[in-house]
PDB file of N, CA and C in Angstrom:
ATOM      1  N   UNK A   1     152.235 147.999 161.456  1.00  0.00           N
ATOM      2  CA  UNK A   1     151.265 148.277 161.053  1.00  0.00           C
ATOM      3  C   UNK A   1     151.853 149.985 160.677  1.00  0.00           C
ATOM      4  N   UNK A   2     151.442 150.484 159.416  1.00  0.00           N
ATOM      5  CA  UNK A   2     151.937 151.726 158.919  1.00  0.00           C
ATOM      6  C   UNK A   2     151.252 152.643 158.982  1.00  0.00           C
ATOM      7  N   UNK A   3     149.779 153.029 159.326  1.00  0.00           N
ATOM      8  CA  UNK A   3     148.851 153.753 159.657  1.00  0.00           C
ATOM      9  C   UNK A   3     147.244 152.903 159.895  1.00  0.00           C
ATOM     10  N   UNK A   4     146.744 154.115 159.933  1.00  0.00           N
ATOM     11  CA  UNK A   4     145.316 153.963 159.935  1.00  0.00           C
ATOM     12  C   UNK A   4     144.879 154.827 158.742  1.00  0.00           C
ATOM     13  N   UNK A   5     143.642 154.863 158.059  1.00  0.00           N
ATOM     14  CA  UNK A   5     143.637 155.454 156.869  1.00  0.00           C
ATOM     15  C   UNK A   5     142.544 155.905 157.148  1.00  0.00           C
ATOM     16  N   UNK A   6     141.673 156.829 156.813  1.00  0.00           N
ATOM     17  CA  UNK A   6     140.548 156.995 156.301  1.00  0.00           C
ATOM     18  C   UNK A   6     140.030 155.943 155.208  1.00  0.00           C
ATOM     19  N   UNK A   7     138.148 155.497 155.592  1.00  0.00           N
ATOM     20  CA  UNK A   7     137.478 155.138 153.792  1.00  0.00           C
ATOM     21  C   UNK A   7     138.059 155.946 152.677  1.00  0.00           C
ATOM     22  N   UNK A   8     137.667 156.977 153.114  1.00  0.00           N
ATOM     23  CA  UNK A   8     137.631 157.129 151.427  1.00  0.00           C
ATOM     24  C   UNK A   8     139.314 157.371 151.476  1.00  0.00           C
ATOM     25  N   UNK A   9     140.730 157.178 151.829  1.00  0.00           N
ATOM     26  CA  UNK A   9     141.441 157.013 151.321  1.00  0.00           C
ATOM     27  C   UNK A   9     141.749 155.116 150.555  1.00  0.00           C
ATOM     28  N   UNK A  10     141.293 154.309 151.586  1.00  0.00           N
ATOM     29  CA  UNK A  10     141.468 152.718 151.457  1.00  0.00           C
ATOM     30  C   UNK A  10     139.913 152.929 149.592  1.00  0.00           C
ATOM     31  N   UNK A  11     139.512 154.210 149.324  1.00  0.00           N
ATOM     32  CA  UNK A  11     138.544 153.800 148.007  1.00  0.00           C
ATOM     33  C   UNK A  11     139.866 154.194 146.781  1.00  0.00           C
ATOM     34  N   UNK A  12     140.132 155.330 147.008  1.00  0.00           N
ATOM     35  CA  UNK A  12     141.958 155.777 146.067  1.00  0.00           C
ATOM     36  C   UNK A  12     142.116 154.948 146.696  1.00  0.00           C
ATOM     37  N   UNK A  13     142.781 153.735 147.050  1.00  0.00           N
ATOM     38  CA  UNK A  13     143.898 152.729 147.006  1.00  0.00           C
ATOM     39  C   UNK A  13     143.200 151.673 146.207  1.00  0.00           C
ATOM     40  N   UNK A  14     141.914 151.162 146.333  1.00  0.00           N
ATOM     41  CA  UNK A  14     141.597 150.117 145.767  1.00  0.00           C
ATOM     42  C   UNK A  14     141.355 150.808 144.023  1.00  0.00           C
ATOM     43  N   UNK A  15     140.914 152.110 144.004  1.00  0.00           N
ATOM     44  CA  UNK A  15     140.915 152.888 142.425  1.00  0.00           C
ATOM     45  C   UNK A  15     141.757 152.974 141.368  1.00  0.00           C
ATOM     46  N   UNK A  16     143.237 152.415 142.436  1.00  0.00           N
ATOM     47  CA  UNK A  16     144.231 152.352 141.215  1.00  0.00           C
ATOM     48  C   UNK A  16     145.415 151.575 141.653  1.00  0.00           C
ATOM     49  N   UNK A  17     146.375 151.449 141.187  1.00  0.00           N
ATOM     50  CA  UNK A  17     146.916 150.818 139.753  1.00  0.00           C
ATOM     51  C   UNK A  17     147.438 148.750 140.863  1.00  0.00           C
ATOM     52  N   UNK A  18     147.975 149.795 141.791  1.00  0.00           N
ATOM     53  CA  UNK A  18     147.886 148.135 143.017  1.00  0.00           C
ATOM     54  C   UNK A  18     147.188 147.509 143.493  1.00  0.00           C
ATOM     55  N   UNK A  19     147.953 146.171 144.333  1.00  0.00           N
ATOM     56  CA  UNK A  19     146.664 145.045 144.024  1.00  0.00           C
ATOM     57  C   UNK A  19     146.209 145.813 145.843  1.00  0.00           C
ATOM     58  N   UNK A  20     145.737 145.646 146.431  1.00  0.00           N
ATOM     59  CA  UNK A  20     144.572 146.398 147.402  1.00  0.00           C
ATOM     60  C   UNK A  20     143.765 145.250 148.236  1.00  0.00           C
ATOM     61  N   UNK A  21     143.721 144.658 149.402  1.00  0.00           N
ATOM     62  CA  UNK A  21     143.312 143.473 150.099  1.00  0.00           C
ATOM     63  C   UNK A  21     142.872 144.107 151.249  1.00  0.00           C
ATOM     64  N   UNK A  22     141.359 144.055 150.745  1.00  0.00           N
ATOM     65  CA  UNK A  22     140.487 144.297 152.465  1.00  0.00           C
ATOM     66  C   UNK A  22     140.141 143.460 153.126  1.00  0.00           C
ATOM     67  N   UNK A  23     140.720 143.528 153.689  1.00  0.00           N
ATOM     68  CA  UNK A  23     140.273 141.879 155.259  1.00  0.00           C
ATOM     69  C   UNK A  23     139.621 142.548 156.339  1.00  0.00           C
ATOM     70  N   UNK A  24     137.871 141.714 156.108  1.00  0.00           N
ATOM     71  CA  UNK A  24     137.323 142.579 156.442  1.00  0.00           C
ATOM     72  C   UNK A  24     137.298 140.615 158.079  1.00  0.00           C
ATOM     73  N   UNK A  25     137.770 141.421 159.414  1.00  0.00           N
ATOM     74  CA  UNK A  25     138.075 140.374 160.564  1.00  0.00           C
ATOM     75  C   UNK A  25     136.552 139.850 161.704  1.00  0.00           C
ATOM     76  N   UNK A  26     135.176 140.414 161.209  1.00  0.00           N
ATOM     77  CA  UNK A  26     134.371 140.203 161.736  1.00  0.00           C
ATOM     78  C   UNK A  26     133.884 138.246 161.186  1.00  0.00           C
ATOM     79  N   UNK A  27     133.189 138.335 161.946  1.00  0.00           N
ATOM     80  CA  UNK A  27     132.455 136.505 161.500  1.00  0.00           C
ATOM     81  C   UNK A  27     132.223 136.328 160.498  1.00  0.00           C
ATOM     82  N   UNK A  28     131.195 135.872 159.769  1.00  0.00           N
ATOM     83  CA  UNK A  28     130.487 134.918 158.756  1.00  0.00           C
ATOM     84  C   UNK A  28     130.042 135.688 158.341  1.00  0.00           C
ATOM     85  N   UNK A  29     128.758 135.079 160.005  1.00  0.00           N
ATOM     86  CA  UNK A  29     127.856 136.388 159.359  1.00  0.00           C
ATOM     87  C   UNK A  29     126.986 137.123 159.933  1.00  0.00           C
ATOM     88  N   UNK A  30     128.289 138.502 160.652  1.00  0.00           N
ATOM     89  CA  UNK A  30     128.377 139.315 160.084  1.00  0.00           C
ATOM     90  C   UNK A  30     129.442 140.084 159.008  1.00  0.00           C
ATOM     91  N   UNK A  31     129.576 139.410 158.283  1.00  0.00           N
ATOM     92  CA  UNK A  31     130.113 140.051 157.191  1.00  0.00           C
ATOM     93  C   UNK A  31     129.069 140.009 156.268  1.00  0.00           C
ATOM     94  N   UNK A  32     128.397 138.202 155.595  1.00  0.00           N
ATOM     95  CA  UNK A  32     127.074 138.570 154.904  1.00  0.00           C
ATOM     96  C   UNK A  32     126.145 139.674 155.233  1.00  0.00           C
ATOM     97  N   UNK A  33     125.965 140.213 156.477  1.00  0.00           N
ATOM     98  CA  UNK A  33     124.856 141.231 156.576  1.00  0.00           C
ATOM     99  C   UNK A  33     125.418 142.812 156.060  1.00  0.00           C
ATOM    100  N   UNK A  34     126.930 142.651 155.614  1.00  0.00           N
ATOM    101  CA  UNK A  34     127.326 143.675 154.870  1.00  0.00           C
ATOM    102  C   UNK A  34     128.350 143.568 155.118  1.00  0.00           C
ATOM    103  N   UNK A  35     129.425 144.547 153.446  1.00  0.00           N
ATOM    104  CA  UNK A  35     130.934 144.661 153.443  1.00  0.00           C
ATOM    105  C   UNK A  35     131.354 145.434 152.681  1.00  0.00           C
ATOM    106  N   UNK A  36     132.337 145.946 152.478  1.00  0.00           N
ATOM    107  CA  UNK A  36     133.419 146.529 152.116  1.00  0.00           C
ATOM    108  C   UNK A  36     132.833 145.848 150.063  1.00  0.00           C
ATOM    109  N   UNK A  37     132.699 146.627 148.847  1.00  0.00           N
ATOM    110  CA  UNK A  37     132.512 145.246 148.007  1.00  0.00           C
ATOM    111  C   UNK A  37     134.507 144.896 147.690  1.00  0.00           C
ATOM    112  N   UNK A  38     134.138 143.382 147.556  1.00  0.00           N
ATOM    113  CA  UNK A  38     135.573 143.179 147.517  1.00  0.00           C
ATOM    114  C   UNK A  38     136.361 142.584 148.649  1.00  0.00           C
ATOM    115  N   UNK A  39     136.021 142.779 149.073  1.00  0.00           N
ATOM    116  CA  UNK A  39     136.563 142.685 150.985  1.00  0.00           C
ATOM    117  C   UNK A  39     136.283 140.578 150.955  1.00  0.00           C
ATOM    118  N   UNK A  40     138.066 140.986 151.673  1.00  0.00           N
ATOM    119  CA  UNK A  40     138.438 139.286 151.818  1.00  0.00           C
ATOM    120  C   UNK A  40     137.028 138.697 153.582  1.00  0.00           C
ATOM    121  N   UNK A  41     136.540 138.446 153.626  1.00  0.00           N
ATOM    122  CA  UNK A  41     136.444 138.219 154.928  1.00  0.00           C
ATOM    123  C   UNK A  41     137.158 136.903 155.706  1.00  0.00           C
ATOM    124  N   UNK A  42     138.168 137.217 157.128  1.00  0.00           N
ATOM    125  CA  UNK A  42     139.247 136.490 157.490  1.00  0.00           C
ATOM    126  C   UNK A  42     138.678 136.881 159.155  1.00  0.00           C
ATOM    127  N   UNK A  43     137.826 135.798 159.284  1.00  0.00           N
ATOM    128  CA  UNK A  43     137.454 136.663 161.339  1.00  0.00           C
ATOM    129  C   UNK A  43     138.974 136.458 162.120  1.00  0.00           C
ATOM    130  N   UNK A  44     139.099 137.283 163.269  1.00  0.00           N
ATOM    131  CA  UNK A  44     140.611 137.516 163.172  1.00  0.00           C
ATOM    132  C   UNK A  44     140.938 135.833 164.458  1.00  0.00           C
ATOM    133  N   UNK A  45     140.119 135.566 164.441  1.00  0.00           N
ATOM    134  CA  UNK A  45     141.242 133.888 165.226  1.00  0.00           C
ATOM    135  C   UNK A  45     141.754 133.597 163.544  1.00  0.00           C
ATOM    136  N   UNK A  46     141.382 133.254 162.815  1.00  0.00           N
ATOM    137  CA  UNK A  46     142.072 132.903 161.717  1.00  0.00           C
ATOM    138  C   UNK A  46     143.372 133.703 161.609  1.00  0.00           C
ATOM    139  N   UNK A  47     143.442 135.367 161.310  1.00  0.00           N
ATOM    140  CA  UNK A  47     144.273 135.553 160.887  1.00  0.00           C
ATOM    141  C   UNK A  47     145.853 135.504 160.963  1.00  0.00           C
ATOM    142  N   UNK A  48     146.065 135.138 162.254  1.00  0.00           N
ATOM    143  CA  UNK A  48     147.317 134.638 161.796  1.00  0.00           C
ATOM    144  C   UNK A  48     148.161 133.516 160.622  1.00  0.00           C
ATOM    145  N   UNK A  49     146.996 132.449 160.708  1.00  0.00           N
ATOM    146  CA  UNK A  49     146.891 131.268 159.070  1.00  0.00           C
ATOM    147  C   UNK A  49     147.119 131.756 157.933  1.00  0.00           C
ATOM    148  N   UNK A  50     145.990 132.948 158.391  1.00  0.00           N
ATOM    149  CA  UNK A  50     145.215 133.660 156.813  1.00  0.00           C
ATOM    150  C   UNK A  50     146.610 134.533 156.211  1.00  0.00           C
ATOM    151  N   UNK A  51     147.357 134.802 157.416  1.00  0.00           N
ATOM    152  CA  UNK A  51     149.001 135.802 156.816  1.00  0.00           C
ATOM    153  C   UNK A  51     149.255 136.177 155.576  1.00  0.00           C
ATOM    154  N   UNK A  52     149.616 134.620 155.146  1.00  0.00           N
ATOM    155  CA  UNK A  52     150.444 134.430 154.454  1.00  0.00           C
ATOM    156  C   UNK A  52     149.777 134.773 152.956  1.00  0.00           C
ATOM    157  N   UNK A  53     148.502 134.590 152.979  1.00  0.00           N
ATOM    158  CA  UNK A  53     147.495 134.167 151.133  1.00  0.00           C
ATOM    159  C   UNK A  53     147.580 136.097 151.408  1.00  0.00           C
ATOM    160  N   UNK A  54     148.002 137.010 151.883  1.00  0.00           N
ATOM    161  CA  UNK A  54     147.590 138.071 151.781  1.00  0.00           C
ATOM    162  C   UNK A  54     149.209 138.784 150.896  1.00  0.00           C
ATOM    163  N   UNK A  55     150.533 137.792 150.698  1.00  0.00           N
ATOM    164  CA  UNK A  55     151.872 138.481 150.412  1.00  0.00           C
ATOM    165  C   UNK A  55     151.519 139.385 149.066  1.00  0.00           C
ATOM    166  N   UNK A  56     150.417 138.792 148.475  1.00  0.00           N
ATOM    167  CA  UNK A  56     151.610 139.113 147.278  1.00  0.00           C
ATOM    168  C   UNK A  56     150.745 140.418 147.118  1.00  0.00           C
ATOM    169  N   UNK A  57     149.970 141.701 147.621  1.00  0.00           N
ATOM    170  CA  UNK A  57     149.096 142.579 148.277  1.00  0.00           C
ATOM    171  C   UNK A  57     149.810 143.368 148.171  1.00  0.00           C
ATOM    172  N   UNK A  58     149.545 144.550 147.953  1.00  0.00           N
ATOM    173  CA  UNK A  58     150.902 145.888 147.930  1.00  0.00           C
ATOM    174  C   UNK A  58     150.188 147.085 148.949  1.00  0.00           C
ATOM    175  N   UNK A  59     148.839 146.631 149.248  1.00  0.00           N
ATOM    176  CA  UNK A  59     148.600 147.332 150.676  1.00  0.00           C
ATOM    177  C   UNK A  59     146.819 146.121 150.835  1.00  0.00           C
ATOM    178  N   UNK A  60     147.428 145.940 152.991  1.00  0.00           N
ATOM    179  CA  UNK A  60     145.718 145.168 152.758  1.00  0.00           C
ATOM    180  C   UNK A  60     145.754 146.146 154.149  1.00  0.00           C
ATOM    181  N   UNK A  61     143.965 146.102 154.232  1.00  0.00           N
ATOM    182  CA  UNK A  61     143.626 146.979 154.700  1.00  0.00           C
ATOM    183  C   UNK A  61     142.744 146.312 155.527  1.00  0.00           C
ATOM    184  N   UNK A  62     142.887 145.874 157.680  1.00  0.00           N
ATOM    185  CA  UNK A  62     141.616 145.421 157.674  1.00  0.00           C
ATOM    186  C   UNK A  62     140.595 146.184 158.190  1.00  0.00           C
ATOM    187  N   UNK A  63     139.517 145.513 158.839  1.00  0.00           N
ATOM    188  CA  UNK A  63     138.120 146.586 158.978  1.00  0.00           C
ATOM    189  C   UNK A  63     137.712 145.451 159.726  1.00  0.00           C
ATOM    190  N   UNK A  64     137.120 146.209 161.022  1.00  0.00           N
ATOM    191  CA  UNK A  64     135.928 145.425 161.897  1.00  0.00           C
ATOM    192  C   UNK A  64     135.024 147.430 161.526  1.00  0.00           C
ATOM    193  N   UNK A  65     133.551 146.976 162.927  1.00  0.00           N
ATOM    194  CA  UNK A  65     132.425 147.804 162.357  1.00  0.00           C
ATOM    195  C   UNK A  65     133.170 149.273 163.195  1.00  0.00           C
ATOM    196  N   UNK A  66     134.145 149.468 164.320  1.00  0.00           N
ATOM    197  CA  UNK A  66     134.627 150.631 164.753  1.00  0.00           C
ATOM    198  C   UNK A  66     136.119 151.003 164.722  1.00  0.00           C
ATOM    199  N   UNK A  67     136.683 150.632 164.495  1.00  0.00           N
ATOM    200  CA  UNK A  67     138.303 150.671 163.745  1.00  0.00           C
ATOM    201  C   UNK A  67     139.341 150.068 165.139  1.00  0.00           C
ATOM    202  N   UNK A  68     138.400 149.864 166.126  1.00  0.00           N
ATOM    203  CA  UNK A  68     139.506 148.825 167.028  1.00  0.00           C
ATOM    204  C   UNK A  68     139.884 148.321 166.713  1.00  0.00           C
ATOM    205  N   UNK A  69     139.523 147.083 166.592  1.00  0.00           N
ATOM    206  CA  UNK A  69     140.233 145.427 166.724  1.00  0.00           C
ATOM    207  C   UNK A  69     141.043 145.667 165.112  1.00  0.00           C
ATOM    208  N   UNK A  70     140.371 146.647 164.225  1.00  0.00           N
ATOM    209  CA  UNK A  70     140.975 146.703 162.410  1.00  0.00           C
ATOM    210  C   UNK A  70     142.778 146.745 163.734  1.00  0.00           C
ATOM    211  N   UNK A  71     142.829 147.695 164.080  1.00  0.00           N
ATOM    212  CA  UNK A  71     144.108 148.040 164.853  1.00  0.00           C
ATOM    213  C   UNK A  71     144.719 147.077 165.549  1.00  0.00           C
ATOM    214  N   UNK A  72     144.411 145.819 165.519  1.00  0.00           N
ATOM    215  CA  UNK A  72     145.125 144.608 166.217  1.00  0.00           C
ATOM    216  C   UNK A  72     145.622 144.235 165.193  1.00  0.00           C
ATOM    217  N   UNK A  73     144.163 143.923 164.629  1.00  0.00           N
ATOM    218  CA  UNK A  73     144.708 142.871 162.838  1.00  0.00           C
ATOM    219  C   UNK A  73     145.827 143.186 162.327  1.00  0.00           C
ATOM    220  N   UNK A  74     145.457 144.368 161.744  1.00  0.00           N
ATOM    221  CA  UNK A  74     146.637 145.283 160.929  1.00  0.00           C
ATOM    222  C   UNK A  74     148.057 144.993 161.323  1.00  0.00           C
ATOM    223  N   UNK A  75     148.154 145.053 163.234  1.00  0.00           N
ATOM    224  CA  UNK A  75     150.027 144.685 163.907  1.00  0.00           C
ATOM    225  C   UNK A  75     149.755 143.326 163.604  1.00  0.00           C
ATOM    226  N   UNK A  76     148.226 143.074 163.797  1.00  0.00           N
ATOM    227  CA  UNK A  76     148.461 140.676 163.706  1.00  0.00           C
ATOM    228  C   UNK A  76     149.309 140.402 162.171  1.00  0.00           C
ATOM    229  N   UNK A  77     148.872 141.424 161.162  1.00  0.00           N
ATOM    230  CA  UNK A  77     148.887 140.965 159.298  1.00  0.00           C
ATOM    231  C   UNK A  77     150.971 141.834 159.465  1.00  0.00           C
ATOM    232  N   UNK A  78     151.538 142.824 159.811  1.00  0.00           N
ATOM    233  CA  UNK A  78     152.393 143.544 159.640  1.00  0.00           C
ATOM    234  C   UNK A  78     153.031 142.757 160.070  1.00  0.00           C
ATOM    235  N   UNK A  79     153.232 142.462 161.509  1.00  0.00           N
ATOM    236  CA  UNK A  79     154.089 141.178 161.812  1.00  0.00           C
ATOM    237  C   UNK A  79     154.625 139.950 161.212  1.00  0.00           C
ATOM    238  N   UNK A  80     153.323 139.499 160.671  1.00  0.00           N
ATOM    239  CA  UNK A  80     153.566 138.146 159.755  1.00  0.00           C
ATOM    240  C   UNK A  80     155.454 138.729 158.528  1.00  0.00           C
ATOM    241  N   UNK A  81     156.228 137.867 159.161  1.00  0.00           N
ATOM    242  CA  UNK A  81     156.659 137.911 158.198  1.00  0.00           C
ATOM    243  C   UNK A  81     156.942 137.676 156.609  1.00  0.00           C
ATOM    244  N   UNK A  82     155.994 136.598 156.191  1.00  0.00           N
ATOM    245  CA  UNK A  82     155.760 136.629 154.740  1.00  0.00           C
ATOM    246  C   UNK A  82     154.803 137.652 154.129  1.00  0.00           C
ATOM    247  N   UNK A  83     153.866 139.136 154.819  1.00  0.00           N
ATOM    248  CA  UNK A  83     153.804 140.170 154.100  1.00  0.00           C
ATOM    249  C   UNK A  83     154.604 141.198 154.687  1.00  0.00           C
ATOM    250  N   UNK A  84     154.771 141.452 153.276  1.00  0.00           N
ATOM    251  CA  UNK A  84     155.686 143.046 153.216  1.00  0.00           C
ATOM    252  C   UNK A  84     154.426 143.643 152.672  1.00  0.00           C
ATOM    253  N   UNK A  85     153.921 144.253 152.095  1.00  0.00           N
ATOM    254  CA  UNK A  85     152.540 144.926 152.084  1.00  0.00           C
ATOM    255  C   UNK A  85     152.640 146.165 153.092  1.00  0.00           C
ATOM    256  N   UNK A  86     152.699 147.009 152.186  1.00  0.00           N
ATOM    257  CA  UNK A  86     152.301 148.079 153.367  1.00  0.00           C
ATOM    258  C   UNK A  86     150.224 148.163 153.906  1.00  0.00           C
ATOM    259  N   UNK A  87     150.531 148.144 155.248  1.00  0.00           N
ATOM    260  CA  UNK A  87     149.811 147.638 155.854  1.00  0.00           C
ATOM    261  C   UNK A  87     148.707 148.422 157.148  1.00  0.00           C
ATOM    262  N   UNK A  88     147.344 148.331 156.827  1.00  0.00           N
ATOM    263  CA  UNK A  88     146.186 149.672 157.675  1.00  0.00           C
ATOM    264  C   UNK A  88     145.784 149.377 157.982  1.00  0.00           C
ATOM    265  N   UNK A  89     144.557 150.162 159.484  1.00  0.00           N
ATOM    266  CA  UNK A  89     143.930 149.682 159.469  1.00  0.00           C
ATOM    267  C   UNK A  89     142.558 150.947 159.456  1.00  0.00           C
ATOM    268  N   UNK A  90     141.154 150.241 158.506  1.00  0.00           N
ATOM    269  CA  UNK A  90     140.875 151.977 158.094  1.00  0.00           C
ATOM    270  C   UNK A  90     140.017 152.437 159.758  1.00  0.00           C
ATOM    271  N   UNK A  91     140.185 153.637 159.462  1.00  0.00           N
ATOM    272  CA  UNK A  91     140.386 154.897 160.553  1.00  0.00           C
ATOM    273  C   UNK A  91     138.405 154.647 160.637  1.00  0.00           C
ATOM    274  N   UNK A  92     137.737 154.218 161.903  1.00  0.00           N
ATOM    275  CA  UNK A  92     136.403 154.591 161.878  1.00  0.00           C
ATOM    276  C   UNK A  92     135.853 153.593 161.744  1.00  0.00           C
ATOM    277  N   UNK A  93     136.403 152.547 160.809  1.00  0.00           N
ATOM    278  CA  UNK A  93     135.868 150.950 160.658  1.00  0.00           C
ATOM    279  C   UNK A  93     134.514 150.981 159.981  1.00  0.00           C
ATOM    280  N   UNK A  94     133.717 150.232 159.604  1.00  0.00           N
ATOM    281  CA  UNK A  94     132.350 149.763 159.309  1.00  0.00           C
ATOM    282  C   UNK A  94     131.627 151.200 159.303  1.00  0.00           C
ATOM    283  N   UNK A  95     131.087 151.959 160.569  1.00  0.00           N
ATOM    284  CA  UNK A  95     130.704 153.162 160.126  1.00  0.00           C
ATOM    285  C   UNK A  95     130.961 153.813 159.663  1.00  0.00           C
ATOM    286  N   UNK A  96     131.761 154.031 159.104  1.00  0.00           N
ATOM    287  CA  UNK A  96     132.693 156.026 158.835  1.00  0.00           C
ATOM    288  C   UNK A  96     132.221 155.362 157.417  1.00  0.00           C
ATOM    289  N   UNK A  97     132.238 153.682 156.795  1.00  0.00           N
ATOM    290  CA  UNK A  97     132.242 153.520 154.776  1.00  0.00           C
ATOM    291  C   UNK A  97     130.998 154.677 154.981  1.00  0.00           C
ATOM    292  N   UNK A  98     130.849 154.979 153.799  1.00  0.00           N
ATOM    293  CA  UNK A  98     130.323 155.779 153.235  1.00  0.00           C
ATOM    294  C   UNK A  98     129.390 155.536 152.188  1.00  0.00           C
ATOM    295  N   UNK A  99     130.581 154.267 151.230  1.00  0.00           N
ATOM    296  CA  UNK A  99     129.726 153.857 150.263  1.00  0.00           C
ATOM    297  C   UNK A  99     128.816 152.894 150.148  1.00  0.00           C
ATOM    298  N   UNK A 100     128.691 152.131 149.414  1.00  0.00           N
ATOM    299  CA  UNK A 100     127.706 151.098 148.876  1.00  0.00           C
ATOM    300  C   UNK A 100     128.561 149.396 150.015  1.00  0.00           C
ATOM    301  N   UNK A 101     127.125 148.717 150.552  1.00  0.00           N
ATOM    302  CA  UNK A 101     127.831 147.979 150.567  1.00  0.00           C
ATOM    303  C   UNK A 101     127.551 146.335 150.339  1.00  0.00           C
ATOM    304  N   UNK A 102     128.144 145.889 150.610  1.00  0.00           N
ATOM    305  CA  UNK A 102     128.277 144.447 150.140  1.00  0.00           C
ATOM    306  C   UNK A 102     126.818 143.035 151.398  1.00  0.00           C
ATOM    307  N   UNK A 103     126.240 142.700 150.528  1.00  0.00           N
ATOM    308  CA  UNK A 103     124.749 142.207 151.230  1.00  0.00           C
ATOM    309  C   UNK A 103     125.087 140.729 150.525  1.00  0.00           C
ATOM    310  N   UNK A 104     125.322 139.861 151.775  1.00  0.00           N
ATOM    311  CA  UNK A 104     125.156 138.230 151.138  1.00  0.00           C
ATOM    312  C   UNK A 104     123.648 137.654 152.149  1.00  0.00           C
ATOM    313  N   UNK A 105     123.482 138.298 152.629  1.00  0.00           N
ATOM    314  CA  UNK A 105     122.223 137.971 153.372  1.00  0.00           C
ATOM    315  C   UNK A 105     121.106 136.928 152.705  1.00  0.00           C
ATOM    316  N   UNK A 106     120.897 136.052 152.931  1.00  0.00           N
ATOM    317  CA  UNK A 106     119.964 134.970 151.857  1.00  0.00           C
ATOM    318  C   UNK A 106     118.876 134.476 152.789  1.00  0.00           C
ATOM    319  N   UNK A 107     119.220 134.416 154.165  1.00  0.00           N
ATOM    320  CA  UNK A 107     118.629 133.326 154.696  1.00  0.00           C
ATOM    321  C   UNK A 107     117.142 133.706 155.067  1.00  0.00           C
ATOM    322  N   UNK A 108     116.437 135.421 154.876  1.00  0.00           N
ATOM    323  CA  UNK A 108     115.467 135.856 154.909  1.00  0.00           C
ATOM    324  C   UNK A 108     115.455 136.476 156.702  1.00  0.00           C
ATOM    325  N   UNK A 109     116.737 136.885 156.668  1.00  0.00           N
ATOM    326  CA  UNK A 109     116.364 137.529 157.916  1.00  0.00           C
ATOM    327  C   UNK A 109     116.335 138.487 157.388  1.00  0.00           C
ATOM    328  N   UNK A 110     115.737 139.659 158.610  1.00  0.00           N
ATOM    329  CA  UNK A 110     116.130 141.378 158.262  1.00  0.00           C
ATOM    330  C   UNK A 110     118.048 141.906 157.993  1.00  0.00           C
ATOM    331  N   UNK A 111     118.270 142.840 157.656  1.00  0.00           N
ATOM    332  CA  UNK A 111     119.466 143.267 158.073  1.00  0.00           C
ATOM    333  C   UNK A 111     119.305 143.550 159.280  1.00  0.00           C
ATOM    334  N   UNK A 112     121.133 143.072 159.320  1.00  0.00           N
ATOM    335  CA  UNK A 112     121.621 144.048 161.313  1.00  0.00           C
ATOM    336  C   UNK A 112     122.280 144.767 160.760  1.00  0.00           C
ATOM    337  N   UNK A 113     122.898 145.462 161.982  1.00  0.00           N
ATOM    338  CA  UNK A 113     123.696 146.600 162.149  1.00  0.00           C
ATOM    339  C   UNK A 113     125.110 145.407 162.537  1.00  0.00           C
ATOM    340  N   UNK A 114     126.035 146.161 162.319  1.00  0.00           N
ATOM    341  CA  UNK A 114     127.489 145.164 161.634  1.00  0.00           C
ATOM    342  C   UNK A 114     127.700 144.534 163.162  1.00  0.00           C
TER     343      UNK A 114
END
């Protein structure tokens, strides 16, 4: 893992010219309730097997609710030999994200916290 980076830096990376994969490590249900736009849902238990799919990215940013589990996830991704990207954890997690969230809550239930 290269570092923890603040959400503002994540947005700067996404606005740049390099390829950025934002990987949300929560469950699919939690992901549908709200996630960073354009992020990919890879629940933590599946992260090791999905790491090769991130090999083409210039930057990988892992995200969780509070920024704790995403540190472990970033270390796991960075340790995979196929991943040559700079790997970061988003500091503060989704709680710190001030941008809009994409929501896919289509089952009629009210939105719940992360």
